[in-house]
Amino acid sequence: MQMEHAITNGERERRTKRRFQIEQEVRYKMLYGQRIAETGVGKTMNISSGGVWFSTENMLTTGMPVELSMTWPVLLNDSCPMKLMIYGCVVRSNERGAAVAIERYEFRTQGRGIHNPSIPAPIEFRLPG
């Protein structure tokens, strides 16, 4: 099965992954080694398994590693909020936003902010020895 590529502005579409129009607030951290070089807030415009396009406060440096954090719009088991962490590299940036190639990602559960007394607190067990 061959995938058809759309032609946009006279150029053939290079993306091969399906993109989803998900608009969510995103926080980003530009990384320089183990240091955080820059932080900001934007909004995702679209996302696929290979990359994400999002608005930025400033143009981002192409080639720099970046960490993105966004609230996932669907609850786990209809009750638990999740956060999507994306780790990748800036591949394109302009005055409207930046494109990041995803190298890895992970979902994390988020606390509700209010402790629910019907759910017992975790108990720590230690083995003797």
Protein backbone atom coordinates (compact mmCIF):
# COMPACT_ATOMS: atom_id res chain seq x y z
CA MET A 1 0.00 0.00 0.00
CA GLN A 2 1.48 3.32 -1.05
CA MET A 3 0.71 6.48 0.86
CA GLU A 4 -0.35 9.49 -1.17
CA HIS A 5 1.49 12.71 -0.34
CA ALA A 6 -0.32 16.03 -0.59
CA ILE A 7 1.23 18.89 -2.52
CA THR A 8 1.36 22.12 -0.50
CA ASN A 9 2.67 25.44 -1.84
CA GLY A 10 4.17 23.62 -4.83
CA GLU A 11 6.15 21.22 -2.61
CA ARG A 12 5.49 17.54 -2.07
CA GLU A 13 4.49 16.68 1.50
CA ARG A 14 7.47 14.99 3.23
CA ARG A 15 5.65 13.73 6.31
CA THR A 16 4.67 10.08 6.29
CA LYS A 17 3.07 9.82 9.74
CA ARG A 18 -0.55 10.73 10.38
CA ARG A 19 -0.89 14.04 12.18
CA PHE A 20 -3.57 14.80 14.76
CA GLN A 21 -4.89 18.32 15.34
CA ILE A 22 -4.47 18.46 19.11
CA GLU A 23 -4.38 21.96 20.61
CA GLN A 24 -3.09 21.83 24.18
CA GLU A 25 -0.89 24.09 26.26
CA VAL A 26 2.69 22.87 26.14
CA ARG A 27 5.68 23.80 28.29
CA TYR A 28 9.10 23.46 26.75
CA LYS A 29 12.67 23.38 28.04
CA MET A 30 15.61 23.88 25.72
CA LEU A 31 18.45 21.75 27.03
CA TYR A 32 22.16 22.49 26.83
CA GLY A 33 23.83 19.39 28.21
CA GLN A 34 22.41 18.96 31.70
CA ARG A 35 21.48 22.65 31.94
CA ILE A 36 18.19 24.28 30.99
CA ALA A 37 19.06 26.98 28.44
CA GLU A 38 15.56 28.38 27.91
CA THR A 39 11.98 27.69 28.97
CA GLY A 40 8.66 28.77 27.54
CA VAL A 41 4.99 28.07 27.03
CA GLY A 42 3.14 27.51 23.78
CA LYS A 43 0.32 25.52 22.26
CA THR A 44 0.52 22.33 20.22
CA MET A 45 -0.95 22.65 16.74
CA ASN A 46 -0.54 19.09 15.56
CA ILE A 47 1.23 15.96 16.70
CA SER A 48 2.19 12.59 15.23
CA SER A 49 4.25 9.65 16.39
CA GLY A 50 7.25 11.25 14.69
CA GLY A 51 6.97 14.91 15.61
CA VAL A 52 5.08 17.84 17.03
CA TRP A 53 4.43 21.39 15.76
CA PHE A 54 3.75 24.00 18.46
CA SER A 55 3.68 27.76 18.95
CA THR A 56 6.59 29.31 20.83
CA GLU A 57 7.35 32.58 22.57
CA ASN A 58 10.62 32.96 20.61
CA MET A 59 12.31 31.24 17.71
CA LEU A 60 14.08 28.11 18.95
CA THR A 61 17.57 27.05 17.89
CA THR A 62 17.49 24.30 15.27
CA GLY A 63 19.38 21.19 16.34
CA MET A 64 18.96 21.80 20.07
CA PRO A 65 17.51 19.11 22.33
CA VAL A 66 14.15 19.99 23.85
CA GLU A 67 11.79 18.55 26.47
CA LEU A 68 8.04 19.14 26.04
CA SER A 69 5.36 18.60 28.66
CA MET A 70 1.63 18.70 27.97
CA THR A 71 -1.55 17.57 29.67
CA TRP A 72 -3.01 14.67 27.67
CA PRO A 73 -6.64 15.42 26.68
CA VAL A 74 -7.91 11.93 27.64
CA LEU A 75 -8.13 10.48 31.16
CA LEU A 76 -6.64 7.09 31.97
CA ASN A 77 -9.49 4.74 32.94
CA ASP A 78 -11.85 7.74 32.67
CA SER A 79 -10.51 9.13 35.96
CA CYS A 80 -6.75 9.72 36.05
CA PRO A 81 -5.22 12.77 34.33
CA MET A 82 -2.04 12.12 32.37
CA LYS A 83 0.89 14.19 31.17
CA LEU A 84 2.76 13.47 27.94
CA MET A 85 6.52 14.05 28.10
CA ILE A 86 8.26 14.38 24.75
CA TYR A 87 12.02 14.37 24.28
CA GLY A 88 13.41 15.36 20.92
CA CYS A 89 15.29 17.83 18.79
CA VAL A 90 14.20 21.09 17.13
CA VAL A 91 14.20 20.52 13.37
CA ARG A 92 12.56 23.78 12.25
CA SER A 93 11.58 27.08 13.85
CA ASN A 94 10.11 30.38 12.68
CA GLU A 95 8.17 33.30 14.16
CA ARG A 96 4.99 31.16 14.39
CA GLY A 97 6.42 28.11 16.14
CA ALA A 98 8.75 25.13 16.11
CA ALA A 99 8.80 21.56 14.86
CA VAL A 100 10.36 18.88 17.05
CA ALA A 101 11.35 15.40 15.89
CA ILE A 102 10.34 13.01 18.66
CA GLU A 103 13.16 10.76 19.88
CA ARG A 104 11.20 9.28 22.78
CA TYR A 105 8.09 9.98 24.80
CA GLU A 106 6.38 8.78 27.95
CA PHE A 107 3.04 9.17 29.66
CA ARG A 108 3.00 10.05 33.35
CA THR A 109 0.02 10.07 35.67
CA GLN A 110 -0.74 13.40 37.33
CA GLY A 111 -2.00 13.94 40.84
CA ARG A 112 -5.44 15.41 41.26
CA GLY A 113 -4.18 18.10 43.63
CA ILE A 114 -6.56 17.01 46.41
CA HIS A 115 -5.92 13.88 48.45
CA ASN A 116 -8.84 11.49 48.27
CA PRO A 117 -9.25 9.96 51.76
CA SER A 118 -10.99 6.89 50.32
CA ILE A 119 -7.71 5.92 48.62
CA PRO A 120 -5.15 4.77 51.19
CA ALA A 121 -1.70 6.34 51.14
CA PRO A 122 1.07 4.12 49.77
CA ILE A 123 2.87 2.00 52.34
CA GLU A 124 6.61 1.49 52.23
CA PHE A 125 7.89 -1.98 52.97
CA ARG A 126 11.50 -2.75 53.87
CA LEU A 127 13.00 -6.19 53.96
CA PRO A 128 15.07 -7.03 57.04
CA GLY A 129 18.73 -7.33 56.42
